[in-house]
């Protein structure tokens, strides 16, 4: 009678509670997997951020080195331009000296020819 009905109701309640426990355990397992994936993603993002930061620092160092090299090259260019100017001045002076010497040779030959003609 009544005791059997109570036992049946209690058994049904127990079954429902056990089903609910299984559903909650499955949900807990799913959330645990999602949490593990989220932790892996966060770790990957931290690694990516560190790598990008390292690459950025490397790029900055390379840019700085390139700027220094540009400065050195500009300084070298200025020194070469000065040397070229000095060489051109030397060449011009040598040409003037050569022209003056040639004129003196011509004059000396004229004097010699005049002396010989007498």
PDB file of N, CA and C in Angstrom:
ATOM      1  N   UNK A   1       0.769  -1.193   0.000  1.00  0.00           N
ATOM      2  CA  UNK A   1       0.000   0.000   0.000  1.00  0.00           C
ATOM      3  C   UNK A   1       0.822   1.274   0.000  1.00  0.00           C
ATOM      4  N   UNK A   2       0.573   1.968   1.098  1.00  0.00           N
ATOM      5  CA  UNK A   2       1.135   3.317   1.215  1.00  0.00           C
ATOM      6  C   UNK A   2       2.649   3.261   1.325  1.00  0.00           C
ATOM      7  N   UNK A   3       3.170   2.273   2.028  1.00  0.00           N
ATOM      8  CA  UNK A   3       4.614   2.132   2.186  1.00  0.00           C
ATOM      9  C   UNK A   3       5.251   1.858   0.837  1.00  0.00           C
ATOM     10  N   UNK A   4       4.574   1.026   0.007  1.00  0.00           N
ATOM     11  CA  UNK A   4       5.122   0.729  -1.326  1.00  0.00           C
ATOM     12  C   UNK A   4       5.120   1.968  -2.205  1.00  0.00           C
ATOM     13  N   UNK A   5       4.028   2.754  -2.072  1.00  0.00           N
ATOM     14  CA  UNK A   5       3.969   3.992  -2.863  1.00  0.00           C
ATOM     15  C   UNK A   5       5.075   4.952  -2.434  1.00  0.00           C
ATOM     16  N   UNK A   6       5.274   5.045  -1.116  1.00  0.00           N
ATOM     17  CA  UNK A   6       6.346   5.916  -0.616  1.00  0.00           C
ATOM     18  C   UNK A   6       7.707   5.429  -1.114  1.00  0.00           C
ATOM     19  N   UNK A   7       7.932   4.128  -1.095  1.00  0.00           N
ATOM     20  CA  UNK A   7       9.203   3.546  -1.550  1.00  0.00           C
ATOM     21  C   UNK A   7       9.386   3.818  -3.040  1.00  0.00           C
ATOM     22  N   UNK A   8       8.310   3.659  -3.822  1.00  0.00           N
ATOM     23  CA  UNK A   8       8.391   3.909  -5.259  1.00  0.00           C
ATOM     24  C   UNK A   8       8.699   5.387  -5.527  1.00  0.00           C
ATOM     25  N   UNK A   9       8.040   6.274  -4.771  1.00  0.00           N
ATOM     26  CA  UNK A   9       8.277   7.715  -4.932  1.00  0.00           C
ATOM     27  C   UNK A   9       9.715   8.059  -4.558  1.00  0.00           C
ATOM     28  N   UNK A  10      10.183   7.433  -3.471  1.00  0.00           N
ATOM     29  CA  UNK A  10      11.550   7.683  -3.030  1.00  0.00           C
ATOM     30  C   UNK A  10      12.543   7.185  -4.092  1.00  0.00           C
ATOM     31  N   UNK A  11      12.244   6.006  -4.684  1.00  0.00           N
ATOM     32  CA  UNK A  11      13.125   5.451  -5.725  1.00  0.00           C
ATOM     33  C   UNK A  11      13.145   6.376  -6.943  1.00  0.00           C
ATOM     34  N   UNK A  12      11.976   6.903  -7.321  1.00  0.00           N
ATOM     35  CA  UNK A  12      11.882   7.814  -8.467  1.00  0.00           C
ATOM     36  C   UNK A  12      12.661   9.096  -8.181  1.00  0.00           C
ATOM     37  N   UNK A  13      12.532   9.612  -6.979  1.00  0.00           N
ATOM     38  CA  UNK A  13      13.258  10.826  -6.587  1.00  0.00           C
ATOM     39  C   UNK A  13      14.762  10.572  -6.627  1.00  0.00           C
ATOM     40  N   UNK A  14      15.155   9.394  -6.112  1.00  0.00           N
ATOM     41  CA  UNK A  14      16.574   9.029  -6.111  1.00  0.00           C
ATOM     42  C   UNK A  14      17.103   8.946  -7.543  1.00  0.00           C
ATOM     43  N   UNK A  15      16.326   8.301  -8.438  1.00  0.00           N
ATOM     44  CA  UNK A  15      16.738   8.189  -9.849  1.00  0.00           C
ATOM     45  C   UNK A  15      16.886   9.565 -10.486  1.00  0.00           C
ATOM     46  N   UNK A  16      15.912  10.435 -10.223  1.00  0.00           N
ATOM     47  CA  UNK A  16      15.954  11.790 -10.791  1.00  0.00           C
ATOM     48  C   UNK A  16      17.186  12.534 -10.267  1.00  0.00           C
ATOM     49  N   UNK A  17      17.467  12.384  -8.979  1.00  0.00           N
ATOM     50  CA  UNK A  17      18.618  13.043  -8.375  1.00  0.00           C
ATOM     51  C   UNK A  17      19.915  12.502  -8.982  1.00  0.00           C
ATOM     52  N   UNK A  18      19.947  11.160  -9.205  1.00  0.00           N
ATOM     53  CA  UNK A  18      21.153  10.567  -9.797  1.00  0.00           C
ATOM     54  C   UNK A  18      21.363  11.071 -11.231  1.00  0.00           C
ATOM     55  N   UNK A  19      20.228  11.193 -11.985  1.00  0.00           N
ATOM     56  CA  UNK A  19      20.329  11.734 -13.352  1.00  0.00           C
ATOM     57  C   UNK A  19      20.875  13.167 -13.311  1.00  0.00           C
ATOM     58  N   UNK A  20      20.330  13.951 -12.400  1.00  0.00           N
ATOM     59  CA  UNK A  20      20.770  15.339 -12.250  1.00  0.00           C
ATOM     60  C   UNK A  20      22.261  15.395 -11.904  1.00  0.00           C
ATOM     61  N   UNK A  21      22.727  14.492 -11.020  1.00  0.00           N
ATOM     62  CA  UNK A  21      24.151  14.434 -10.651  1.00  0.00           C
ATOM     63  C   UNK A  21      24.989  14.118 -11.887  1.00  0.00           C
ATOM     64  N   UNK A  22      24.525  13.139 -12.716  1.00  0.00           N
ATOM     65  CA  UNK A  22      25.270  12.783 -13.932  1.00  0.00           C
ATOM     66  C   UNK A  22      25.351  13.975 -14.899  1.00  0.00           C
ATOM     67  N   UNK A  23      24.226  14.683 -15.066  1.00  0.00           N
ATOM     68  CA  UNK A  23      24.198  15.863 -15.950  1.00  0.00           C
ATOM     69  C   UNK A  23      25.188  16.915 -15.433  1.00  0.00           C
ATOM     70  N   UNK A  24      25.159  17.140 -14.112  1.00  0.00           N
ATOM     71  CA  UNK A  24      26.072  18.133 -13.532  1.00  0.00           C
ATOM     72  C   UNK A  24      27.540  17.708 -13.671  1.00  0.00           C
ATOM     73  N   UNK A  25      27.799  16.392 -13.522  1.00  0.00           N
ATOM     74  CA  UNK A  25      29.176  15.909 -13.685  1.00  0.00           C
ATOM     75  C   UNK A  25      29.654  16.102 -15.126  1.00  0.00           C
ATOM     76  N   UNK A  26      28.752  15.820 -16.101  1.00  0.00           N
ATOM     77  CA  UNK A  26      29.113  16.018 -17.510  1.00  0.00           C
ATOM     78  C   UNK A  26      29.402  17.495 -17.776  1.00  0.00           C
ATOM     79  N   UNK A  27      28.548  18.342 -17.213  1.00  0.00           N
ATOM     80  CA  UNK A  27      28.729  19.789 -17.398  1.00  0.00           C
ATOM     81  C   UNK A  27      30.051  20.236 -16.761  1.00  0.00           C
ATOM     82  N   UNK A  28      30.361  19.694 -15.582  1.00  0.00           N
ATOM     83  CA  UNK A  28      31.626  20.013 -14.909  1.00  0.00           C
ATOM     84  C   UNK A  28      32.811  19.588 -15.786  1.00  0.00           C
ATOM     85  N   UNK A  29      32.716  18.382 -16.384  1.00  0.00           N
ATOM     86  CA  UNK A  29      33.790  17.902 -17.257  1.00  0.00           C
ATOM     87  C   UNK A  29      33.958  18.807 -18.477  1.00  0.00           C
ATOM     88  N   UNK A  30      32.822  19.222 -19.093  1.00  0.00           N
ATOM     89  CA  UNK A  30      32.884  20.127 -20.262  1.00  0.00           C
ATOM     90  C   UNK A  30      33.550  21.445 -19.881  1.00  0.00           C
ATOM     91  N   UNK A  31      33.144  21.995 -18.739  1.00  0.00           N
ATOM     92  CA  UNK A  31      33.725  23.262 -18.292  1.00  0.00           C
ATOM     93  C   UNK A  31      35.213  23.105 -17.998  1.00  0.00           C
ATOM     94  N   UNK A  32      35.590  21.956 -17.444  1.00  0.00           N
ATOM     95  CA  UNK A  32      37.012  21.681 -17.175  1.00  0.00           C
ATOM     96  C   UNK A  32      37.809  21.667 -18.474  1.00  0.00           C
ATOM     97  N   UNK A  33      37.248  21.037 -19.522  1.00  0.00           N
ATOM     98  CA  UNK A  33      37.926  20.999 -20.831  1.00  0.00           C
ATOM     99  C   UNK A  33      38.036  22.419 -21.403  1.00  0.00           C
ATOM    100  N   UNK A  34      36.943  23.194 -21.287  1.00  0.00           N
ATOM    101  CA  UNK A  34      36.967  24.569 -21.796  1.00  0.00           C
ATOM    102  C   UNK A  34      38.016  25.403 -21.055  1.00  0.00           C
ATOM    103  N   UNK A  35      38.108  25.179 -19.746  1.00  0.00           N
ATOM    104  CA  UNK A  35      39.085  25.907 -18.944  1.00  0.00           C
ATOM    105  C   UNK A  35      40.506  25.539 -19.383  1.00  0.00           C
ATOM    106  N   UNK A  36      40.744  24.252 -19.634  1.00  0.00           N
ATOM    107  CA  UNK A  36      42.075  23.817 -20.080  1.00  0.00           C
ATOM    108  C   UNK A  36      42.417  24.465 -21.421  1.00  0.00           C
ATOM    109  N   UNK A  37      41.451  24.497 -22.340  1.00  0.00           N
ATOM    110  CA  UNK A  37      41.678  25.130 -23.647  1.00  0.00           C
ATOM    111  C   UNK A  37      41.967  26.622 -23.475  1.00  0.00           C
ATOM    112  N   UNK A  38      41.188  27.266 -22.608  1.00  0.00           N
ATOM    113  CA  UNK A  38      41.384  28.702 -22.367  1.00  0.00           C
ATOM    114  C   UNK A  38      42.768  28.964 -21.773  1.00  0.00           C
ATOM    115  N   UNK A  39      43.215  28.071 -20.872  1.00  0.00           N
ATOM    116  CA  UNK A  39      44.551  28.249 -20.272  1.00  0.00           C
ATOM    117  C   UNK A  39      45.637  28.091 -21.342  1.00  0.00           C
ATOM    118  N   UNK A  40      45.461  27.097 -22.239  1.00  0.00           N
ATOM    119  CA  UNK A  40      46.434  26.898 -23.325  1.00  0.00           C
ATOM    120  C   UNK A  40      46.467  28.130 -24.236  1.00  0.00           C
ATOM    121  N   UNK A  41      45.282  28.656 -24.560  1.00  0.00           N
ATOM    122  CA  UNK A  41      45.208  29.858 -25.405  1.00  0.00           C
ATOM    123  C   UNK A  41      45.933  31.028 -24.738  1.00  0.00           C
ATOM    124  N   UNK A  42      45.690  31.200 -23.440  1.00  0.00           N
ATOM    125  CA  UNK A  42      46.326  32.310 -22.716  1.00  0.00           C
ATOM    126  C   UNK A  42      47.846  32.137 -22.721  1.00  0.00           C
ATOM    127  N   UNK A  43      48.314  30.890 -22.530  1.00  0.00           N
ATOM    128  CA  UNK A  43      49.761  30.639 -22.541  1.00  0.00           C
ATOM    129  C   UNK A  43      50.341  30.948 -23.926  1.00  0.00           C
ATOM    130  N   UNK A  44      49.613  30.527 -24.989  1.00  0.00           N
ATOM    131  CA  UNK A  44      50.075  30.817 -26.361  1.00  0.00           C
ATOM    132  C   UNK A  44      50.121  32.321 -26.609  1.00  0.00           C
ATOM    133  N   UNK A  45      49.099  33.032 -26.129  1.00  0.00           N
ATOM    134  CA  UNK A  45      49.065  34.490 -26.317  1.00  0.00           C
ATOM    135  C   UNK A  45      50.226  35.160 -25.588  1.00  0.00           C
ATOM    136  N   UNK A  46      50.543  34.659 -24.390  1.00  0.00           N
ATOM    137  CA  UNK A  46      51.686  35.229 -23.652  1.00  0.00           C
ATOM    138  C   UNK A  46      52.982  34.986 -24.429  1.00  0.00           C
ATOM    139  N   UNK A  47      53.127  33.757 -24.980  1.00  0.00           N
ATOM    140  CA  UNK A  47      54.321  33.446 -25.778  1.00  0.00           C
ATOM    141  C   UNK A  47      54.388  34.343 -27.011  1.00  0.00           C
ATOM    142  N   UNK A  48      53.239  34.506 -27.692  1.00  0.00           N
ATOM    143  CA  UNK A  48      53.193  35.356 -28.893  1.00  0.00           C
ATOM    144  C   UNK A  48      53.580  36.790 -28.539  1.00  0.00           C
ATOM    145  N   UNK A  49      53.033  37.282 -27.431  1.00  0.00           N
ATOM    146  CA  UNK A  49      53.316  38.657 -27.010  1.00  0.00           C
ATOM    147  C   UNK A  49      54.810  38.810 -26.720  1.00  0.00           C
ATOM    148  N   UNK A  50      55.389  37.809 -26.035  1.00  0.00           N
ATOM    149  CA  UNK A  50      56.821  37.871 -25.724  1.00  0.00           C
ATOM    150  C   UNK A  50      57.644  37.835 -27.008  1.00  0.00           C
ATOM    151  N   UNK A  51      57.241  36.969 -27.962  1.00  0.00           N
ATOM    152  CA  UNK A  51      57.975  36.862 -29.227  1.00  0.00           C
ATOM    153  C   UNK A  51      57.884  38.177 -30.015  1.00  0.00           C
ATOM    154  N   UNK A  52      56.683  38.743 -30.070  1.00  0.00           N
ATOM    155  CA  UNK A  52      56.492  40.012 -30.785  1.00  0.00           C
ATOM    156  C   UNK A  52      57.324  41.115 -30.126  1.00  0.00           C
ATOM    157  N   UNK A  53      57.329  41.135 -28.790  1.00  0.00           N
ATOM    158  CA  UNK A  53      58.146  42.126 -28.078  1.00  0.00           C
ATOM    159  C   UNK A  53      59.623  41.961 -28.394  1.00  0.00           C
ATOM    160  N   UNK A  54      60.070  40.709 -28.450  1.00  0.00           N
ATOM    161  CA  UNK A  54      61.472  40.428 -28.769  1.00  0.00           C
ATOM    162  C   UNK A  54      61.786  40.853 -30.202  1.00  0.00           C
ATOM    163  N   UNK A  55      60.865  40.545 -31.139  1.00  0.00           N
ATOM    164  CA  UNK A  55      61.070  40.926 -32.539  1.00  0.00           C
ATOM    165  C   UNK A  55      61.084  42.444 -32.680  1.00  0.00           C
ATOM    166  N   UNK A  56      60.217  43.116 -31.921  1.00  0.00           N
ATOM    167  CA  UNK A  56      60.163  44.580 -31.970  1.00  0.00           C
ATOM    168  C   UNK A  56      61.482  45.163 -31.468  1.00  0.00           C
ATOM    169  N   UNK A  57      61.977  44.623 -30.358  1.00  0.00           N
ATOM    170  CA  UNK A  57      63.253  45.109 -29.820  1.00  0.00           C
ATOM    171  C   UNK A  57      64.374  44.880 -30.826  1.00  0.00           C
ATOM    172  N   UNK A  58      64.354  43.714 -31.486  1.00  0.00           N
ATOM    173  CA  UNK A  58      65.369  43.390 -32.496  1.00  0.00           C
ATOM    174  C   UNK A  58      65.276  44.383 -33.664  1.00  0.00           C
ATOM    175  N   UNK A  59      64.054  44.686 -34.101  1.00  0.00           N
ATOM    176  CA  UNK A  59      63.852  45.634 -35.198  1.00  0.00           C
ATOM    177  C   UNK A  59      64.362  47.019 -34.805  1.00  0.00           C
ATOM    178  N   UNK A  60      64.085  47.421 -33.562  1.00  0.00           N
ATOM    179  CA  UNK A  60      64.568  48.726 -33.095  1.00  0.00           C
ATOM    180  C   UNK A  60      66.092  48.774 -33.095  1.00  0.00           C
ATOM    181  N   UNK A  61      66.711  47.660 -32.629  1.00  0.00           N
ATOM    182  CA  UNK A  61      68.186  47.624 -32.620  1.00  0.00           C
ATOM    183  C   UNK A  61      68.717  47.714 -34.052  1.00  0.00           C
ATOM    184  N   UNK A  62      68.079  46.999 -34.979  1.00  0.00           N
ATOM    185  CA  UNK A  62      68.522  47.020 -36.383  1.00  0.00           C
ATOM    186  C   UNK A  62      68.355  48.418 -36.975  1.00  0.00           C
ATOM    187  N   UNK A  63      67.239  49.077 -36.658  1.00  0.00           N
ATOM    188  CA  UNK A  63      67.002  50.432 -37.167  1.00  0.00           C
ATOM    189  C   UNK A  63      68.060  51.389 -36.608  1.00  0.00           C
ATOM    190  N   UNK A  64      68.378  51.236 -35.330  1.00  0.00           N
ATOM    191  CA  UNK A  64      69.384  52.094 -34.700  1.00  0.00           C
ATOM    192  C   UNK A  64      70.747  51.871 -35.367  1.00  0.00           C
ATOM    193  N   UNK A  65      71.090  50.607 -35.598  1.00  0.00           N
ATOM    194  CA  UNK A  65      72.368  50.290 -36.259  1.00  0.00           C
ATOM    195  C   UNK A  65      72.390  50.874 -37.668  1.00  0.00           C
ATOM    196  N   UNK A  66      71.264  50.789 -38.365  1.00  0.00           N
ATOM    197  CA  UNK A  66      71.185  51.337 -39.721  1.00  0.00           C
ATOM    198  C   UNK A  66      71.373  52.857 -39.689  1.00  0.00           C
ATOM    199  N   UNK A  67      70.765  53.526 -38.696  1.00  0.00           N
ATOM    200  CA  UNK A  67      70.936  54.984 -38.573  1.00  0.00           C
ATOM    201  C   UNK A  67      72.405  55.329 -38.314  1.00  0.00           C
ATOM    202  N   UNK A  68      73.054  54.541 -37.457  1.00  0.00           N
ATOM    203  CA  UNK A  68      74.474  54.784 -37.187  1.00  0.00           C
ATOM    204  C   UNK A  68      75.290  54.610 -38.458  1.00  0.00           C
ATOM    205  N   UNK A  69      74.973  53.565 -39.233  1.00  0.00           N
ATOM    206  CA  UNK A  69      75.685  53.306 -40.488  1.00  0.00           C
ATOM    207  C   UNK A  69      75.470  54.455 -41.472  1.00  0.00           C
ATOM    208  N   UNK A  70      74.242  54.970 -41.549  1.00  0.00           N
ATOM    209  CA  UNK A  70      73.957  56.115 -42.424  1.00  0.00           C
ATOM    210  C   UNK A  70      74.812  57.315 -41.994  1.00  0.00           C
ATOM    211  N   UNK A  71      74.907  57.528 -40.695  1.00  0.00           N
ATOM    212  CA  UNK A  71      75.740  58.619 -40.191  1.00  0.00           C
ATOM    213  C   UNK A  71      77.204  58.430 -40.568  1.00  0.00           C
ATOM    214  N   UNK A  72      77.701  57.185 -40.421  1.00  0.00           N
ATOM    215  CA  UNK A  72      79.097  56.896 -40.796  1.00  0.00           C
ATOM    216  C   UNK A  72      79.313  57.128 -42.287  1.00  0.00           C
ATOM    217  N   UNK A  73      78.362  56.656 -43.097  1.00  0.00           N
ATOM    218  CA  UNK A  73      78.500  56.813 -44.550  1.00  0.00           C
ATOM    219  C   UNK A  73      78.487  58.287 -44.940  1.00  0.00           C
ATOM    220  N   UNK A  74      77.626  59.078 -44.292  1.00  0.00           N
ATOM    221  CA  UNK A  74      77.576  60.510 -44.588  1.00  0.00           C
ATOM    222  C   UNK A  74      78.908  61.158 -44.226  1.00  0.00           C
ATOM    223  N   UNK A  75      79.481  60.758 -43.105  1.00  0.00           N
ATOM    224  CA  UNK A  75      80.774  61.291 -42.677  1.00  0.00           C
ATOM    225  C   UNK A  75      81.865  60.882 -43.674  1.00  0.00           C
ATOM    226  N   UNK A  76      81.831  59.609 -44.115  1.00  0.00           N
ATOM    227  CA  UNK A  76      82.796  59.128 -45.115  1.00  0.00           C
ATOM    228  C   UNK A  76      82.651  59.916 -46.414  1.00  0.00           C
ATOM    229  N   UNK A  77      81.400  60.164 -46.819  1.00  0.00           N
ATOM    230  CA  UNK A  77      81.142  60.902 -48.068  1.00  0.00           C
ATOM    231  C   UNK A  77      81.726  62.307 -47.969  1.00  0.00           C
ATOM    232  N   UNK A  78      81.522  62.958 -46.826  1.00  0.00           N
ATOM    233  CA  UNK A  78      82.059  64.308 -46.625  1.00  0.00           C
ATOM    234  C   UNK A  78      83.583  64.284 -46.717  1.00  0.00           C
ATOM    235  N   UNK A  79      84.205  63.291 -46.072  1.00  0.00           N
ATOM    236  CA  UNK A  79      85.674  63.190 -46.108  1.00  0.00           C
ATOM    237  C   UNK A  79      86.150  62.951 -47.544  1.00  0.00           C
ATOM    238  N   UNK A  80      85.455  62.095 -48.289  1.00  0.00           N
ATOM    239  CA  UNK A  80      85.832  61.831 -49.680  1.00  0.00           C
ATOM    240  C   UNK A  80      85.666  63.075 -50.536  1.00  0.00           C
ATOM    241  N   UNK A  81      84.588  63.826 -50.300  1.00  0.00           N
ATOM    242  CA  UNK A  81      84.379  65.061 -51.074  1.00  0.00           C
ATOM    243  C   UNK A  81      85.503  66.061 -50.793  1.00  0.00           C
ATOM    244  N   UNK A  82      85.928  66.150 -49.511  1.00  0.00           N
ATOM    245  CA  UNK A  82      87.040  67.043 -49.173  1.00  0.00           C
ATOM    246  C   UNK A  82      88.315  66.597 -49.878  1.00  0.00           C
ATOM    247  N   UNK A  83      88.575  65.283 -49.854  1.00  0.00           N
ATOM    248  CA  UNK A  83      89.781  64.746 -50.496  1.00  0.00           C
ATOM    249  C   UNK A  83      89.741  64.996 -52.003  1.00  0.00           C
ATOM    250  N   UNK A  84      88.551  64.825 -52.597  1.00  0.00           N
ATOM    251  CA  UNK A  84      88.405  65.069 -54.034  1.00  0.00           C
ATOM    252  C   UNK A  84      88.681  66.537 -54.356  1.00  0.00           C
ATOM    253  N   UNK A  85      88.136  67.436 -53.544  1.00  0.00           N
ATOM    254  CA  UNK A  85      88.378  68.867 -53.742  1.00  0.00           C
ATOM    255  C   UNK A  85      89.860  69.186 -53.662  1.00  0.00           C
ATOM    256  N   UNK A  86      90.540  68.611 -52.665  1.00  0.00           N
ATOM    257  CA  UNK A  86      91.981  68.859 -52.506  1.00  0.00           C
ATOM    258  C   UNK A  86      92.748  68.303 -53.706  1.00  0.00           C
ATOM    259  N   UNK A  87      92.348  67.112 -54.185  1.00  0.00           N
ATOM    260  CA  UNK A  87      93.022  66.503 -55.342  1.00  0.00           C
ATOM    261  C   UNK A  87      92.812  67.363 -56.583  1.00  0.00           C
ATOM    262  N   UNK A  88      91.601  67.908 -56.738  1.00  0.00           N
ATOM    263  CA  UNK A  88      91.329  68.772 -57.895  1.00  0.00           C
ATOM    264  C   UNK A  88      92.175  70.041 -57.820  1.00  0.00           C
ATOM    265  N   UNK A  89      92.298  70.602 -56.615  1.00  0.00           N
ATOM    266  CA  UNK A  89      93.149  71.785 -56.451  1.00  0.00           C
ATOM    267  C   UNK A  89      94.601  71.451 -56.791  1.00  0.00           C
ATOM    268  N   UNK A  90      95.081  70.281 -56.324  1.00  0.00           N
ATOM    269  CA  UNK A  90      96.457  69.853 -56.625  1.00  0.00           C
ATOM    270  C   UNK A  90      96.643  69.701 -58.128  1.00  0.00           C
ATOM    271  N   UNK A  91      95.636  69.084 -58.800  1.00  0.00           N
ATOM    272  CA  UNK A  91      95.734  68.875 -60.250  1.00  0.00           C
ATOM    273  C   UNK A  91      95.761  70.212 -60.973  1.00  0.00           C
ATOM    274  N   UNK A  92      94.941  71.143 -60.512  1.00  0.00           N
ATOM    275  CA  UNK A  92      94.896  72.475 -61.124  1.00  0.00           C
ATOM    276  C   UNK A  92      96.248  73.185 -60.952  1.00  0.00           C
ATOM    277  N   UNK A  93      96.809  73.110 -59.730  1.00  0.00           N
ATOM    278  CA  UNK A  93      98.125  73.727 -59.476  1.00  0.00           C
ATOM    279  C   UNK A  93      99.197  73.072 -60.337  1.00  0.00           C
ATOM    280  N   UNK A  94      99.140  71.744 -60.465  1.00  0.00           N
ATOM    281  CA  UNK A  94     100.132  71.031 -61.280  1.00  0.00           C
ATOM    282  C   UNK A  94     100.018  71.468 -62.742  1.00  0.00           C
ATOM    283  N   UNK A  95      98.773  71.642 -63.222  1.00  0.00           N
ATOM    284  CA  UNK A  95      98.583  72.097 -64.606  1.00  0.00           C
ATOM    285  C   UNK A  95      99.145  73.501 -64.780  1.00  0.00           C
ATOM    286  N   UNK A  96      98.918  74.375 -63.795  1.00  0.00           N
ATOM    287  CA  UNK A  96      99.467  75.737 -63.865  1.00  0.00           C
ATOM    288  C   UNK A  96     100.990  75.699 -63.854  1.00  0.00           C
ATOM    289  N   UNK A  97     101.548  74.839 -62.966  1.00  0.00           N
ATOM    290  CA  UNK A  97     103.016  74.706 -62.896  1.00  0.00           C
ATOM    291  C   UNK A  97     103.557  74.198 -64.224  1.00  0.00           C
ATOM    292  N   UNK A  98     102.860  73.221 -64.817  1.00  0.00           N
ATOM    293  CA  UNK A  98     103.295  72.643 -66.090  1.00  0.00           C
ATOM    294  C   UNK A  98     103.258  73.709 -67.195  1.00  0.00           C
ATOM    295  N   UNK A  99     102.175  74.510 -67.220  1.00  0.00           N
ATOM    296  CA  UNK A  99     102.062  75.572 -68.229  1.00  0.00           C
ATOM    297  C   UNK A  99     103.176  76.600 -68.041  1.00  0.00           C
ATOM    298  N   UNK A 100     103.470  76.953 -66.794  1.00  0.00           N
ATOM    299  CA  UNK A 100     104.519  77.924 -66.503  1.00  0.00           C
ATOM    300  C   UNK A 100     105.881  77.368 -66.923  1.00  0.00           C
ATOM    301  N   UNK A 101     106.113  76.103 -66.620  1.00  0.00           N
ATOM    302  CA  UNK A 101     107.370  75.456 -66.988  1.00  0.00           C
ATOM    303  C   UNK A 101     107.507  75.417 -68.508  1.00  0.00           C
ATOM    304  N   UNK A 102     106.410  75.070 -69.199  1.00  0.00           N
ATOM    305  CA  UNK A 102     106.442  75.005 -70.675  1.00  0.00           C
ATOM    306  C   UNK A 102     106.756  76.384 -71.243  1.00  0.00           C
ATOM    307  N   UNK A 103     106.170  77.419 -70.647  1.00  0.00           N
ATOM    308  CA  UNK A 103     106.439  78.783 -71.124  1.00  0.00           C
ATOM    309  C   UNK A 103     107.905  79.139 -70.909  1.00  0.00           C
ATOM    310  N   UNK A 104     108.471  78.723 -69.771  1.00  0.00           N
ATOM    311  CA  UNK A 104     109.889  79.005 -69.489  1.00  0.00           C
ATOM    312  C   UNK A 104     110.781  78.243 -70.460  1.00  0.00           C
ATOM    313  N   UNK A 105     110.397  77.003 -70.791  1.00  0.00           N
ATOM    314  CA  UNK A 105     111.172  76.214 -71.753  1.00  0.00           C
ATOM    315  C   UNK A 105     111.163  76.915 -73.108  1.00  0.00           C
ATOM    316  N   UNK A 106     109.955  77.360 -73.543  1.00  0.00           N
ATOM    317  CA  UNK A 106     109.835  78.051 -74.831  1.00  0.00           C
ATOM    318  C   UNK A 106     110.720  79.311 -74.825  1.00  0.00           C
ATOM    319  N   UNK A 107     110.672  80.057 -73.708  1.00  0.00           N
ATOM    320  CA  UNK A 107     111.476  81.290 -73.622  1.00  0.00           C
ATOM    321  C   UNK A 107     112.964  80.958 -73.668  1.00  0.00           C
ATOM    322  N   UNK A 108     113.352  79.896 -72.939  1.00  0.00           N
ATOM    323  CA  UNK A 108     114.768  79.506 -72.911  1.00  0.00           C
ATOM    324  C   UNK A 108     115.224  79.068 -74.297  1.00  0.00           C
ATOM    325  N   UNK A 109     114.346  78.321 -74.993  1.00  0.00           N
ATOM    326  CA  UNK A 109     114.694  77.889 -76.356  1.00  0.00           C
ATOM    327  C   UNK A 109     114.840  79.105 -77.272  1.00  0.00           C
ATOM    328  N   UNK A 110     113.969  80.090 -77.099  1.00  0.00           N
ATOM    329  CA  UNK A 110     114.040  81.303 -77.934  1.00  0.00           C
ATOM    330  C   UNK A 110     115.362  82.033 -77.684  1.00  0.00           C
ATOM    331  N   UNK A 111     115.756  82.118 -76.399  1.00  0.00           N
ATOM    332  CA  UNK A 111     117.007  82.772 -76.056  1.00  0.00           C
ATOM    333  C   UNK A 111     118.168  81.991 -76.682  1.00  0.00           C
ATOM    334  N   UNK A 112     118.114  80.663 -76.541  1.00  0.00           N
ATOM    335  CA  UNK A 112     119.168  79.812 -77.089  1.00  0.00           C
ATOM    336  C   UNK A 112     119.256  79.983 -78.612  1.00  0.00           C
ATOM    337  N   UNK A 113     118.043  79.969 -79.275  1.00  0.00           N
ATOM    338  CA  UNK A 113     118.011  80.105 -80.739  1.00  0.00           C
ATOM    339  C   UNK A 113     118.556  81.470 -81.164  1.00  0.00           C
ATOM    340  N   UNK A 114     118.244  82.488 -80.377  1.00  0.00           N
ATOM    341  CA  UNK A 114     118.732  83.841 -80.698  1.00  0.00           C
ATOM    342  C   UNK A 114     120.241  83.896 -80.559  1.00  0.00           C
ATOM    343  N   UNK A 115     120.750  83.232 -79.485  1.00  0.00           N
ATOM    344  CA  UNK A 115     122.187  83.229 -79.256  1.00  0.00           C
ATOM    345  C   UNK A 115     122.892  82.436 -80.352  1.00  0.00           C
ATOM    346  N   UNK A 116     122.263  81.345 -80.770  1.00  0.00           N
ATOM    347  CA  UNK A 116     122.854  80.497 -81.807  1.00  0.00           C
ATOM    348  C   UNK A 116     122.859  81.208 -83.159  1.00  0.00           C
ATOM    349  N   UNK A 117     121.842  81.995 -83.387  1.00  0.00           N
ATOM    350  CA  UNK A 117     121.701  82.683 -84.684  1.00  0.00           C
ATOM    351  C   UNK A 117     122.769  83.758 -84.862  1.00  0.00           C
ATOM    352  N   UNK A 118     123.309  84.259 -83.787  1.00  0.00           N
ATOM    353  CA  UNK A 118     124.297  85.331 -83.907  1.00  0.00           C
ATOM    354  C   UNK A 118     125.563  84.837 -84.463  1.00  0.00           C
TER     355      UNK A 118
END
